[in-house]
Amino acid sequence: MLSFHKAVESDFSAVNELIIANLQSNVGLVENIGHYIVGSGGKRLRPVVVLLSALASGYQGKQHLTMAAVIEFIHTATLLHDDVVDVSALRRGRETANNQWGNAPSVLVGDFIYSRAFQMLVDVGDMPIMGVIADATNLISEGEVQQMGNAGNSAIDEATYYEVIYRKTAKLFEAAARIGAMLAAEEADLFVGDSAILDARTDAMAAYGKHLGLAFQIADDVMDYQGDSQSIGKNVGDDLAEGKMTLPLIHARDHLDDQKKQLICSAIESKSAEHFEKILAAVRQSSSLEYSVTQAQEQAELAKQSLAQMPESDFKEVLSDLADFAVSRIV
């Protein structure tokens, strides 16, 4: 168990129980695929962020458990849909649900998990938090469509790259961190809360989540050119084969001679990993992995700086450690 799991061990266990309980369905295939995907590993980072954010903000209630499960359900649904769109065969080191059951069942169970998340939100009945989750889900969907539209486009620049990864990855981290702090703010405001301080802390936690999510996604994109199938949980070179112009490739394209630039552009446009080793050598030659690692570290540092608004606590320290963990996989 990682340190940030230990810090919220009892709550984390309760969230896992909620996740399993809310996968219940009278339709066997829904339960089979649901249990398969949620049981396929993963660190449950987004629900951990909800828990840590709430506790670092002084929350005393229990609704953070439900919110953590909701966030994990939304993330799980996006994974099911992503793997269909990307025609992925491997996720977290295991065969993807779509590879095992087919595309249609995976999409439909993803829809079920999305709708179950919103059923849970309705049970809680917190409209401001429902608004945050609804906005995040909408933006994630836009990000996925944007990424799909960008596939095979070798002209993607850094600004567009950051726009996409904010939408498809960082936005859910941002929402997770924000709603944890919102729960605490709503609770405190019933008693002796200073609304200005509470709002500042909520915004600070949202900024933390945003930068944490960006750091994680950049690190994941680096690992596609740095790791192996076992360490990254998917096939090496998948991003290249899917025509995704990620940060290492963008930097390499802009800092190599015309011949190597054309090698990268042709691979992206043809969505082929045939020349992966040559492209990997070019990426390394241009120091693009080092550049991307630095960018991930900068995002992690921005996440840690956002915590300055938060009161001192063990949970605040764990949030800082989590930002370091985001980039520890690539340094």
C-alpha atoms as a PDB file:
ATOM      1  CA  MET A   1       0.000   0.000   0.000  1.00  0.00           C
ATOM      2  CA  LEU A   2       1.370   3.410  -0.986  1.00  0.00           C
ATOM      3  CA  SER A   3       1.815   6.123   1.644  1.00  0.00           C
ATOM      4  CA  PHE A   4      -1.102   8.204   0.412  1.00  0.00           C
ATOM      5  CA  HIS A   5      -3.370   5.151   0.684  1.00  0.00           C
ATOM      6  CA  LYS A   6      -2.217   4.538   4.249  1.00  0.00           C
ATOM      7  CA  ALA A   7      -3.050   8.120   5.217  1.00  0.00           C
ATOM      8  CA  VAL A   8      -6.715   7.470   4.442  1.00  0.00           C
ATOM      9  CA  GLU A   9      -6.729   3.704   4.935  1.00  0.00           C
ATOM     10  CA  SER A  10     -10.113   3.285   6.645  1.00  0.00           C
ATOM     11  CA  ASP A  11     -11.851   5.752   4.325  1.00  0.00           C
ATOM     12  CA  PHE A  12     -10.193   4.164   1.298  1.00  0.00           C
ATOM     13  CA  SER A  13     -11.502   0.761   2.352  1.00  0.00           C
ATOM     14  CA  ALA A  14     -14.998   2.207   2.789  1.00  0.00           C
ATOM     15  CA  VAL A  15     -14.844   3.749  -0.693  1.00  0.00           C
ATOM     16  CA  ASN A  16     -13.878   0.404  -2.223  1.00  0.00           C
ATOM     17  CA  GLU A  17     -16.873  -1.194  -0.493  1.00  0.00           C
ATOM     18  CA  LEU A  18     -19.135   1.528  -1.898  1.00  0.00           C
ATOM     19  CA  ILE A  19     -17.754   0.950  -5.382  1.00  0.00           C
ATOM     20  CA  ILE A  20     -18.465  -2.784  -5.235  1.00  0.00           C
ATOM     21  CA  ALA A  21     -21.935  -2.276  -3.735  1.00  0.00           C
ATOM     22  CA  ASN A  22     -22.927   0.207  -6.424  1.00  0.00           C
ATOM     23  CA  LEU A  23     -21.866  -2.060  -9.273  1.00  0.00           C
ATOM     24  CA  GLN A  24     -24.805  -4.301  -8.424  1.00  0.00           C
ATOM     25  CA  SER A  25     -27.105  -4.965 -11.365  1.00  0.00           C
ATOM     26  CA  ASN A  26     -29.733  -7.506 -12.350  1.00  0.00           C
ATOM     27  CA  VAL A  27     -27.951  -7.808 -15.688  1.00  0.00           C
ATOM     28  CA  GLY A  28     -25.078 -10.245 -15.337  1.00  0.00           C
ATOM     29  CA  LEU A  29     -22.905  -8.785 -18.088  1.00  0.00           C
ATOM     30  CA  VAL A  30     -23.037  -5.360 -16.446  1.00  0.00           C
ATOM     31  CA  GLU A  31     -21.688  -6.809 -13.198  1.00  0.00           C
ATOM     32  CA  ASN A  32     -19.093  -8.956 -14.975  1.00  0.00           C
ATOM     33  CA  ILE A  33     -17.573  -6.099 -16.961  1.00  0.00           C
ATOM     34  CA  GLY A  34     -17.973  -3.637 -14.096  1.00  0.00           C
ATOM     35  CA  HIS A  35     -16.165  -5.855 -11.621  1.00  0.00           C
ATOM     36  CA  TYR A  36     -13.516  -6.698 -14.220  1.00  0.00           C
ATOM     37  CA  ILE A  37     -12.606  -3.084 -14.898  1.00  0.00           C
ATOM     38  CA  VAL A  38     -12.683  -1.851 -11.288  1.00  0.00           C
ATOM     39  CA  GLY A  39     -10.743  -4.916 -10.189  1.00  0.00           C
ATOM     40  CA  SER A  40      -8.039  -4.531 -12.814  1.00  0.00           C
ATOM     41  CA  GLY A  41      -5.635  -2.681 -10.576  1.00  0.00           C
ATOM     42  CA  GLY A  42      -4.978   1.021 -10.647  1.00  0.00           C
ATOM     43  CA  LYS A  43      -4.130   3.215  -7.700  1.00  0.00           C
ATOM     44  CA  ARG A  44      -7.546   4.870  -7.272  1.00  0.00           C
ATOM     45  CA  LEU A  45      -5.726   8.212  -7.297  1.00  0.00           C
ATOM     46  CA  ARG A  46      -8.741  10.363  -8.037  1.00  0.00           C
ATOM     47  CA  PRO A  47     -10.835   9.096  -5.112  1.00  0.00           C
ATOM     48  CA  VAL A  48      -7.761   9.421  -2.897  1.00  0.00           C
ATOM     49  CA  VAL A  49      -7.561  13.080  -3.940  1.00  0.00           C
ATOM     50  CA  VAL A  50     -11.200  13.568  -2.886  1.00  0.00           C
ATOM     51  CA  LEU A  51     -10.500  12.021   0.514  1.00  0.00           C
ATOM     52  CA  LEU A  52      -7.266  13.922   1.130  1.00  0.00           C
ATOM     53  CA  SER A  53      -8.749  17.216  -0.043  1.00  0.00           C
ATOM     54  CA  ALA A  54     -11.735  16.871   2.280  1.00  0.00           C
ATOM     55  CA  LEU A  55      -9.632  15.867   5.270  1.00  0.00           C
ATOM     56  CA  ALA A  56      -6.958  18.504   4.633  1.00  0.00           C
ATOM     57  CA  SER A  57      -9.793  21.040   4.571  1.00  0.00           C
ATOM     58  CA  GLY A  58     -11.090  19.876   7.948  1.00  0.00           C
ATOM     59  CA  TYR A  59     -14.151  17.939   6.819  1.00  0.00           C
ATOM     60  CA  GLN A  60     -15.780  15.853   9.566  1.00  0.00           C
ATOM     61  CA  GLY A  61     -18.651  14.171   7.722  1.00  0.00           C
ATOM     62  CA  LYS A  62     -19.028  11.071   5.566  1.00  0.00           C
ATOM     63  CA  GLN A  63     -20.186  12.339   2.179  1.00  0.00           C
ATOM     64  CA  HIS A  64     -16.592  12.445   0.935  1.00  0.00           C
ATOM     65  CA  LEU A  65     -16.775   8.645   0.743  1.00  0.00           C
ATOM     66  CA  THR A  66     -19.650   8.753  -1.733  1.00  0.00           C
ATOM     67  CA  MET A  67     -17.998  11.555  -3.703  1.00  0.00           C
ATOM     68  CA  ALA A  68     -14.787   9.537  -3.960  1.00  0.00           C
ATOM     69  CA  ALA A  69     -16.721   6.563  -5.334  1.00  0.00           C
ATOM     70  CA  VAL A  70     -18.544   8.830  -7.795  1.00  0.00           C
ATOM     71  CA  ILE A  71     -15.251  10.200  -9.106  1.00  0.00           C
ATOM     72  CA  GLU A  72     -13.860   6.690  -9.540  1.00  0.00           C
ATOM     73  CA  PHE A  73     -16.999   5.604 -11.404  1.00  0.00           C
ATOM     74  CA  ILE A  74     -16.698   8.516 -13.813  1.00  0.00           C
ATOM     75  CA  HIS A  75     -13.041   7.686 -14.382  1.00  0.00           C
ATOM     76  CA  THR A  76     -13.862   4.006 -14.918  1.00  0.00           C
ATOM     77  CA  ALA A  77     -16.552   4.846 -17.469  1.00  0.00           C
ATOM     78  CA  THR A  78     -14.099   7.000 -19.410  1.00  0.00           C
ATOM     79  CA  LEU A  79     -11.596   4.118 -19.464  1.00  0.00           C
ATOM     80  CA  LEU A  80     -14.174   1.758 -20.954  1.00  0.00           C
ATOM     81  CA  HIS A  81     -15.053   4.295 -23.636  1.00  0.00           C
ATOM     82  CA  ASP A  82     -11.412   5.283 -24.283  1.00  0.00           C
ATOM     83  CA  ASP A  83     -10.329   1.712 -24.916  1.00  0.00           C
ATOM     84  CA  VAL A  84     -13.053   1.304 -27.524  1.00  0.00           C
ATOM     85  CA  VAL A  85     -12.136   4.563 -29.272  1.00  0.00           C
ATOM     86  CA  ASP A  86      -8.414   3.751 -29.168  1.00  0.00           C
ATOM     87  CA  VAL A  87      -8.956   0.069 -30.077  1.00  0.00           C
ATOM     88  CA  SER A  88      -6.733  -0.777 -27.111  1.00  0.00           C
ATOM     89  CA  ALA A  89      -5.929  -4.388 -26.242  1.00  0.00           C
ATOM     90  CA  LEU A  90      -4.112  -3.807 -22.948  1.00  0.00           C
ATOM     91  CA  ARG A  91      -4.987  -1.688 -19.910  1.00  0.00           C
ATOM     92  CA  ARG A  92      -3.133  -1.828 -16.571  1.00  0.00           C
ATOM     93  CA  GLY A  93      -1.327  -4.914 -17.804  1.00  0.00           C
ATOM     94  CA  ARG A  94      -4.559  -6.819 -18.481  1.00  0.00           C
ATOM     95  CA  GLU A  95      -6.684  -7.459 -21.537  1.00  0.00           C
ATOM     96  CA  THR A  96      -9.133  -4.602 -22.025  1.00  0.00           C
ATOM     97  CA  ALA A  97     -12.854  -5.177 -21.547  1.00  0.00           C
ATOM     98  CA  ASN A  98     -13.541  -4.388 -25.197  1.00  0.00           C
ATOM     99  CA  ASN A  99     -10.941  -6.930 -26.278  1.00  0.00           C
ATOM    100  CA  GLN A 100     -12.579  -9.584 -24.107  1.00  0.00           C
ATOM    101  CA  TRP A 101     -16.300  -8.804 -24.479  1.00  0.00           C
ATOM    102  CA  GLY A 102     -16.457  -6.557 -27.534  1.00  0.00           C
ATOM    103  CA  ASN A 103     -17.012  -2.869 -28.191  1.00  0.00           C
ATOM    104  CA  ALA A 104     -20.778  -2.639 -27.749  1.00  0.00           C
ATOM    105  CA  PRO A 105     -20.888  -4.224 -24.264  1.00  0.00           C
ATOM    106  CA  SER A 106     -17.977  -2.043 -23.125  1.00  0.00           C
ATOM    107  CA  VAL A 107     -19.640   1.165 -24.288  1.00  0.00           C
ATOM    108  CA  LEU A 108     -22.985   0.240 -22.741  1.00  0.00           C
ATOM    109  CA  VAL A 109     -21.481  -0.759 -19.397  1.00  0.00           C
ATOM    110  CA  GLY A 110     -19.547   2.508 -19.459  1.00  0.00           C
ATOM    111  CA  ASP A 111     -22.896   4.257 -19.865  1.00  0.00           C
ATOM    112  CA  PHE A 112     -24.290   2.266 -16.929  1.00  0.00           C
ATOM    113  CA  ILE A 113     -21.381   3.297 -14.701  1.00  0.00           C
ATOM    114  CA  TYR A 114     -21.765   6.952 -15.711  1.00  0.00           C
ATOM    115  CA  SER A 115     -25.464   6.877 -14.878  1.00  0.00           C
ATOM    116  CA  ARG A 116     -24.854   5.071 -11.594  1.00  0.00           C
ATOM    117  CA  ALA A 117     -22.439   7.838 -10.594  1.00  0.00           C
ATOM    118  CA  PHE A 118     -25.157  10.429 -11.136  1.00  0.00           C
ATOM    119  CA  GLN A 119     -27.693   8.326  -9.229  1.00  0.00           C
ATOM    120  CA  MET A 120     -25.304   8.433  -6.286  1.00  0.00           C
ATOM    121  CA  LEU A 121     -24.954  12.199  -6.679  1.00  0.00           C
ATOM    122  CA  VAL A 122     -28.719  12.630  -6.601  1.00  0.00           C
ATOM    123  CA  ASP A 123     -28.862  10.632  -3.360  1.00  0.00           C
ATOM    124  CA  VAL A 124     -26.424  13.096  -1.777  1.00  0.00           C
ATOM    125  CA  GLY A 125     -28.439  16.038  -3.119  1.00  0.00           C
ATOM    126  CA  ASP A 126     -25.668  18.661  -3.188  1.00  0.00           C
ATOM    127  CA  MET A 127     -26.438  20.831  -6.224  1.00  0.00           C
ATOM    128  CA  PRO A 128     -23.173  22.841  -6.287  1.00  0.00           C
ATOM    129  CA  ILE A 129     -21.153  19.622  -6.263  1.00  0.00           C
ATOM    130  CA  MET A 130     -23.437  18.086  -8.883  1.00  0.00           C
ATOM    131  CA  GLY A 131     -22.667  21.135 -11.025  1.00  0.00           C
ATOM    132  CA  VAL A 132     -18.914  20.615 -10.667  1.00  0.00           C
ATOM    133  CA  ILE A 133     -19.207  16.939 -11.623  1.00  0.00           C
ATOM    134  CA  ALA A 134     -21.543  17.638 -14.548  1.00  0.00           C
ATOM    135  CA  ASP A 135     -19.227  20.339 -15.923  1.00  0.00           C
ATOM    136  CA  ALA A 136     -16.198  18.075 -15.539  1.00  0.00           C
ATOM    137  CA  THR A 137     -17.907  15.163 -17.285  1.00  0.00           C
ATOM    138  CA  ASN A 138     -18.933  17.408 -20.161  1.00  0.00           C
ATOM    139  CA  LEU A 139     -15.418  18.798 -20.578  1.00  0.00           C
ATOM    140  CA  ILE A 140     -13.884  15.313 -20.433  1.00  0.00           C
ATOM    141  CA  SER A 141     -16.166  14.257 -23.284  1.00  0.00           C
ATOM    142  CA  GLU A 142     -15.109  17.295 -25.308  1.00  0.00           C
ATOM    143  CA  GLY A 143     -11.473  16.455 -24.639  1.00  0.00           C
ATOM    144  CA  GLU A 144     -11.917  12.904 -25.871  1.00  0.00           C
ATOM    145  CA  VAL A 145     -13.592  14.107 -29.058  1.00  0.00           C
ATOM    146  CA  GLN A 146     -10.860  16.709 -29.531  1.00  0.00           C
ATOM    147  CA  GLN A 147      -8.144  14.086 -29.099  1.00  0.00           C
ATOM    148  CA  MET A 148      -9.890  11.787 -31.559  1.00  0.00           C
ATOM    149  CA  GLY A 149     -10.090  14.621 -34.073  1.00  0.00           C
ATOM    150  CA  ASN A 150      -6.398  15.373 -33.579  1.00  0.00           C
ATOM    151  CA  ALA A 151      -5.308  11.778 -34.225  1.00  0.00           C
ATOM    152  CA  GLY A 152      -3.000  11.629 -37.202  1.00  0.00           C
ATOM    153  CA  ASN A 153      -2.353  15.378 -37.152  1.00  0.00           C
ATOM    154  CA  SER A 154       1.401  15.898 -36.965  1.00  0.00           C
ATOM    155  CA  ALA A 155       1.046  19.698 -36.719  1.00  0.00           C
ATOM    156  CA  ILE A 156      -0.363  19.707 -33.159  1.00  0.00           C
ATOM    157  CA  ASP A 157       1.467  22.267 -31.002  1.00  0.00           C
ATOM    158  CA  GLU A 158       2.110  22.408 -27.255  1.00  0.00           C
ATOM    159  CA  ALA A 159      -0.803  24.746 -26.567  1.00  0.00           C
ATOM    160  CA  THR A 160      -3.243  22.307 -28.157  1.00  0.00           C
ATOM    161  CA  TYR A 161      -1.612  19.389 -26.347  1.00  0.00           C
ATOM    162  CA  TYR A 162      -2.085  21.073 -22.970  1.00  0.00           C
ATOM    163  CA  GLU A 163      -5.671  21.992 -23.827  1.00  0.00           C
ATOM    164  CA  VAL A 164      -6.488  18.358 -24.589  1.00  0.00           C
ATOM    165  CA  ILE A 165      -4.811  16.827 -21.544  1.00  0.00           C
ATOM    166  CA  TYR A 166      -6.430  19.407 -19.282  1.00  0.00           C
ATOM    167  CA  ARG A 167      -9.841  18.418 -20.594  1.00  0.00           C
ATOM    168  CA  LYS A 168      -9.430  14.665 -20.764  1.00  0.00           C
ATOM    169  CA  THR A 169      -7.289  14.097 -17.654  1.00  0.00           C
ATOM    170  CA  ALA A 170      -6.600  17.079 -15.414  1.00  0.00           C
ATOM    171  CA  LYS A 171     -10.213  18.268 -15.231  1.00  0.00           C
ATOM    172  CA  LEU A 172     -11.320  15.218 -13.245  1.00  0.00           C
ATOM    173  CA  PHE A 173      -8.397  15.629 -10.825  1.00  0.00           C
ATOM    174  CA  GLU A 174      -9.395  19.276 -10.483  1.00  0.00           C
ATOM    175  CA  ALA A 175     -13.006  18.321  -9.767  1.00  0.00           C
ATOM    176  CA  ALA A 176     -11.920  15.667  -7.255  1.00  0.00           C
ATOM    177  CA  ALA A 177      -9.823  18.157  -5.305  1.00  0.00           C
ATOM    178  CA  ARG A 178     -12.452  20.893  -5.514  1.00  0.00           C
ATOM    179  CA  ILE A 179     -15.374  18.827  -4.230  1.00  0.00           C
ATOM    180  CA  GLY A 180     -13.397  17.568  -1.244  1.00  0.00           C
ATOM    181  CA  ALA A 181     -12.764  21.158  -0.211  1.00  0.00           C
ATOM    182  CA  MET A 182     -16.351  22.136  -1.063  1.00  0.00           C
ATOM    183  CA  LEU A 183     -17.709  19.563   1.379  1.00  0.00           C
ATOM    184  CA  ALA A 184     -15.561  21.042   4.127  1.00  0.00           C
ATOM    185  CA  ALA A 185     -16.539  24.602   3.177  1.00  0.00           C
ATOM    186  CA  GLU A 186     -20.243  23.782   3.210  1.00  0.00           C
ATOM    187  CA  GLU A 187     -19.873  22.104   6.590  1.00  0.00           C
ATOM    188  CA  ALA A 188     -17.846  24.959   8.099  1.00  0.00           C
ATOM    189  CA  ASP A 189     -20.161  27.614   6.697  1.00  0.00           C
ATOM    190  CA  LEU A 190     -22.982  26.151   8.777  1.00  0.00           C
ATOM    191  CA  PHE A 191     -21.040  27.054  11.893  1.00  0.00           C
ATOM    192  CA  VAL A 192     -18.235  29.616  11.972  1.00  0.00           C
ATOM    193  CA  GLY A 193     -16.927  29.611   8.420  1.00  0.00           C
ATOM    194  CA  ASP A 194     -15.316  32.682   6.865  1.00  0.00           C
ATOM    195  CA  SER A 195     -16.622  32.480   3.296  1.00  0.00           C
ATOM    196  CA  ALA A 196     -13.621  34.300   1.776  1.00  0.00           C
ATOM    197  CA  ILE A 197     -11.153  31.900   3.389  1.00  0.00           C
ATOM    198  CA  LEU A 198     -13.274  28.893   2.489  1.00  0.00           C
ATOM    199  CA  ASP A 199     -13.560  30.000  -1.149  1.00  0.00           C
ATOM    200  CA  ALA A 200      -9.808  30.612  -1.349  1.00  0.00           C
ATOM    201  CA  ARG A 201      -9.086  27.131  -0.033  1.00  0.00           C
ATOM    202  CA  THR A 202     -11.544  25.553  -2.439  1.00  0.00           C
ATOM    203  CA  ASP A 203      -9.905  27.351  -5.374  1.00  0.00           C
ATOM    204  CA  ALA A 204      -6.463  26.381  -4.073  1.00  0.00           C
ATOM    205  CA  MET A 205      -7.418  22.721  -3.959  1.00  0.00           C
ATOM    206  CA  ALA A 206      -8.887  22.931  -7.457  1.00  0.00           C
ATOM    207  CA  ALA A 207      -5.594  24.397  -8.716  1.00  0.00           C
ATOM    208  CA  TYR A 208      -3.738  21.614  -6.936  1.00  0.00           C
ATOM    209  CA  GLY A 209      -5.859  18.999  -8.701  1.00  0.00           C
ATOM    210  CA  LYS A 210      -5.422  20.628 -12.095  1.00  0.00           C
ATOM    211  CA  HIS A 211      -1.627  20.734 -11.900  1.00  0.00           C
ATOM    212  CA  LEU A 212      -1.461  17.253 -10.383  1.00  0.00           C
ATOM    213  CA  GLY A 213      -3.505  15.909 -13.284  1.00  0.00           C
ATOM    214  CA  LEU A 214      -1.302  17.635 -15.850  1.00  0.00           C
ATOM    215  CA  ALA A 215       1.808  16.215 -14.173  1.00  0.00           C
ATOM    216  CA  PHE A 216       0.361  12.704 -14.234  1.00  0.00           C
ATOM    217  CA  GLN A 217      -0.627  12.883 -17.896  1.00  0.00           C
ATOM    218  CA  ILE A 218       2.724  14.251 -19.042  1.00  0.00           C
ATOM    219  CA  ALA A 219       4.427  11.502 -17.044  1.00  0.00           C
ATOM    220  CA  ASP A 220       2.202   8.888 -18.699  1.00  0.00           C
ATOM    221  CA  ASP A 221       3.101  10.266 -22.114  1.00  0.00           C
ATOM    222  CA  VAL A 222       6.803  10.108 -21.273  1.00  0.00           C
ATOM    223  CA  MET A 223       6.458   6.501 -20.129  1.00  0.00           C
ATOM    224  CA  ASP A 224       5.189   5.491 -23.560  1.00  0.00           C
ATOM    225  CA  TYR A 225       8.708   6.242 -24.822  1.00  0.00           C
ATOM    226  CA  GLN A 226      10.606   5.304 -21.686  1.00  0.00           C
ATOM    227  CA  GLY A 227       8.987   2.242 -20.141  1.00  0.00           C
ATOM    228  CA  ASP A 228       7.969  -1.269 -21.116  1.00  0.00           C
ATOM    229  CA  SER A 229       4.582  -2.962 -21.391  1.00  0.00           C
ATOM    230  CA  GLN A 230       4.767  -4.283 -17.839  1.00  0.00           C
ATOM    231  CA  SER A 231       5.627  -0.945 -16.241  1.00  0.00           C
ATOM    232  CA  ILE A 232       3.195   1.195 -18.234  1.00  0.00           C
ATOM    233  CA  GLY A 233       0.336  -1.315 -18.336  1.00  0.00           C
ATOM    234  CA  LYS A 234      -0.202  -1.001 -22.085  1.00  0.00           C
ATOM    235  CA  ASN A 235       1.700  -1.822 -25.245  1.00  0.00           C
ATOM    236  CA  VAL A 236       4.788   0.323 -25.780  1.00  0.00           C
ATOM    237  CA  GLY A 237       4.300   2.595 -28.759  1.00  0.00           C
ATOM    238  CA  ASP A 238       0.505   2.647 -28.502  1.00  0.00           C
ATOM    239  CA  ASP A 239       0.427   6.456 -28.619  1.00  0.00           C
ATOM    240  CA  LEU A 240       2.395   6.447 -31.857  1.00  0.00           C
ATOM    241  CA  ALA A 241       0.204   3.730 -33.368  1.00  0.00           C
ATOM    242  CA  GLU A 242      -2.880   5.781 -32.452  1.00  0.00           C
ATOM    243  CA  GLY A 243      -1.461   8.892 -34.118  1.00  0.00           C
ATOM    244  CA  LYS A 244      -1.241  10.837 -30.851  1.00  0.00           C
ATOM    245  CA  MET A 245       1.123  13.800 -30.953  1.00  0.00           C
ATOM    246  CA  THR A 246       2.184  13.880 -27.299  1.00  0.00           C
ATOM    247  CA  LEU A 247       4.686  16.235 -25.677  1.00  0.00           C
ATOM    248  CA  PRO A 248       7.860  14.174 -26.314  1.00  0.00           C
ATOM    249  CA  LEU A 249       7.026  13.984 -30.022  1.00  0.00           C
ATOM    250  CA  ILE A 250       6.008  17.629 -30.282  1.00  0.00           C
ATOM    251  CA  HIS A 251       9.312  18.748 -28.773  1.00  0.00           C
ATOM    252  CA  ALA A 252      11.320  16.300 -30.891  1.00  0.00           C
ATOM    253  CA  ARG A 253       9.579  17.406 -34.088  1.00  0.00           C
ATOM    254  CA  ASP A 254      10.452  21.024 -33.342  1.00  0.00           C
ATOM    255  CA  HIS A 255      14.117  20.339 -32.484  1.00  0.00           C
ATOM    256  CA  LEU A 256      15.288  17.832 -35.092  1.00  0.00           C
ATOM    257  CA  ASP A 257      16.526  18.088 -38.668  1.00  0.00           C
ATOM    258  CA  ASP A 258      14.057  17.817 -41.522  1.00  0.00           C
ATOM    259  CA  GLN A 259      14.728  14.122 -42.147  1.00  0.00           C
ATOM    260  CA  LYS A 260      13.958  13.037 -38.585  1.00  0.00           C
ATOM    261  CA  LYS A 261      11.071  15.495 -38.371  1.00  0.00           C
ATOM    262  CA  GLN A 262       9.576  13.840 -41.454  1.00  0.00           C
ATOM    263  CA  LEU A 263      10.052  10.418 -39.853  1.00  0.00           C
ATOM    264  CA  ILE A 264       7.925  11.494 -36.890  1.00  0.00           C
ATOM    265  CA  CYS A 265       5.292  13.247 -38.976  1.00  0.00           C
ATOM    266  CA  SER A 266       4.902  10.290 -41.338  1.00  0.00           C
ATOM    267  CA  ALA A 267       4.477   7.876 -38.435  1.00  0.00           C
ATOM    268  CA  ILE A 268       1.808  10.062 -36.828  1.00  0.00           C
ATOM    269  CA  GLU A 269      -0.053  10.650 -40.078  1.00  0.00           C
ATOM    270  CA  SER A 270      -0.042   6.932 -40.963  1.00  0.00           C
ATOM    271  CA  LYS A 271      -0.741   5.899 -37.334  1.00  0.00           C
ATOM    272  CA  SER A 272       2.060   3.380 -37.472  1.00  0.00           C
ATOM    273  CA  ALA A 273       4.570   2.200 -34.871  1.00  0.00           C
ATOM    274  CA  GLU A 274       6.606   0.386 -37.518  1.00  0.00           C
ATOM    275  CA  HIS A 275       9.615   2.679 -37.025  1.00  0.00           C
ATOM    276  CA  PHE A 276       9.182   3.040 -33.259  1.00  0.00           C
ATOM    277  CA  GLU A 277      12.841   2.300 -32.451  1.00  0.00           C
ATOM    278  CA  LYS A 278      14.083   4.915 -34.925  1.00  0.00           C
ATOM    279  CA  ILE A 279      11.635   7.464 -33.573  1.00  0.00           C
ATOM    280  CA  LEU A 280      12.601   6.614 -29.998  1.00  0.00           C
ATOM    281  CA  ALA A 281      16.246   7.228 -30.905  1.00  0.00           C
ATOM    282  CA  ALA A 282      15.292  10.572 -32.442  1.00  0.00           C
ATOM    283  CA  VAL A 283      13.279  11.549 -29.364  1.00  0.00           C
ATOM    284  CA  ARG A 284      16.264  10.739 -27.164  1.00  0.00           C
ATOM    285  CA  GLN A 285      18.669  12.595 -29.452  1.00  0.00           C
ATOM    286  CA  SER A 286      16.585  15.757 -29.159  1.00  0.00           C
ATOM    287  CA  SER A 287      16.471  15.517 -25.330  1.00  0.00           C
ATOM    288  CA  SER A 288      12.697  15.537 -25.619  1.00  0.00           C
ATOM    289  CA  LEU A 289      12.211  13.060 -22.792  1.00  0.00           C
ATOM    290  CA  GLU A 290      14.271  15.260 -20.477  1.00  0.00           C
ATOM    291  CA  TYR A 291      12.273  18.290 -21.585  1.00  0.00           C
ATOM    292  CA  SER A 292       8.985  16.518 -20.941  1.00  0.00           C
ATOM    293  CA  VAL A 293      10.141  15.304 -17.524  1.00  0.00           C
ATOM    294  CA  THR A 294      10.992  18.909 -16.642  1.00  0.00           C
ATOM    295  CA  GLN A 295       7.514  20.021 -17.708  1.00  0.00           C
ATOM    296  CA  ALA A 296       5.930  17.333 -15.530  1.00  0.00           C
ATOM    297  CA  GLN A 297       8.095  18.395 -12.591  1.00  0.00           C
ATOM    298  CA  GLU A 298       7.038  22.016 -13.066  1.00  0.00           C
ATOM    299  CA  GLN A 299       3.372  21.001 -12.945  1.00  0.00           C
ATOM    300  CA  ALA A 300       3.985  18.960  -9.792  1.00  0.00           C
ATOM    301  CA  GLU A 301       5.699  21.953  -8.206  1.00  0.00           C
ATOM    302  CA  LEU A 302       2.763  24.197  -9.109  1.00  0.00           C
ATOM    303  CA  ALA A 303       0.458  21.677  -7.454  1.00  0.00           C
ATOM    304  CA  LYS A 304       2.529  21.800  -4.275  1.00  0.00           C
ATOM    305  CA  GLN A 305       2.607  25.603  -4.319  1.00  0.00           C
ATOM    306  CA  SER A 306      -1.202  25.630  -4.487  1.00  0.00           C
ATOM    307  CA  LEU A 307      -1.273  23.976  -1.063  1.00  0.00           C
ATOM    308  CA  ALA A 308       0.105  27.141   0.576  1.00  0.00           C
ATOM    309  CA  GLN A 309      -3.484  28.291   1.208  1.00  0.00           C
ATOM    310  CA  MET A 310      -4.272  25.151   3.203  1.00  0.00           C
ATOM    311  CA  PRO A 311      -3.853  24.799   6.984  1.00  0.00           C
ATOM    312  CA  GLU A 312      -0.948  22.674   8.162  1.00  0.00           C
ATOM    313  CA  SER A 313      -1.831  19.007   8.632  1.00  0.00           C
ATOM    314  CA  ASP A 314      -0.575  15.509   7.924  1.00  0.00           C
ATOM    315  CA  PHE A 315      -3.049  15.338   5.040  1.00  0.00           C
ATOM    316  CA  LYS A 316      -1.543  18.444   3.449  1.00  0.00           C
ATOM    317  CA  GLU A 317       1.881  16.783   3.593  1.00  0.00           C
ATOM    318  CA  VAL A 318       0.492  13.666   1.938  1.00  0.00           C
ATOM    319  CA  LEU A 319      -0.996  15.791  -0.853  1.00  0.00           C
ATOM    320  CA  SER A 320       2.465  17.249  -1.405  1.00  0.00           C
ATOM    321  CA  ASP A 321       3.934  13.734  -1.468  1.00  0.00           C
ATOM    322  CA  LEU A 322       1.325  12.711  -4.022  1.00  0.00           C
ATOM    323  CA  ALA A 323       2.506  15.488  -6.340  1.00  0.00           C
ATOM    324  CA  ASP A 324       6.050  14.150  -6.022  1.00  0.00           C
ATOM    325  CA  PHE A 325       4.783  10.634  -6.744  1.00  0.00           C
ATOM    326  CA  ALA A 326       3.222  11.861  -9.985  1.00  0.00           C
ATOM    327  CA  VAL A 327       6.656  12.388 -11.497  1.00  0.00           C
ATOM    328  CA  SER A 328       8.664   9.823  -9.517  1.00  0.00           C
ATOM    329  CA  ARG A 329       7.772   7.216 -12.142  1.00  0.00           C
ATOM    330  CA  ILE A 330       9.840   8.994 -14.805  1.00  0.00           C
ATOM    331  CA  VAL A 331      12.863  10.325 -12.898  1.00  0.00           C
END
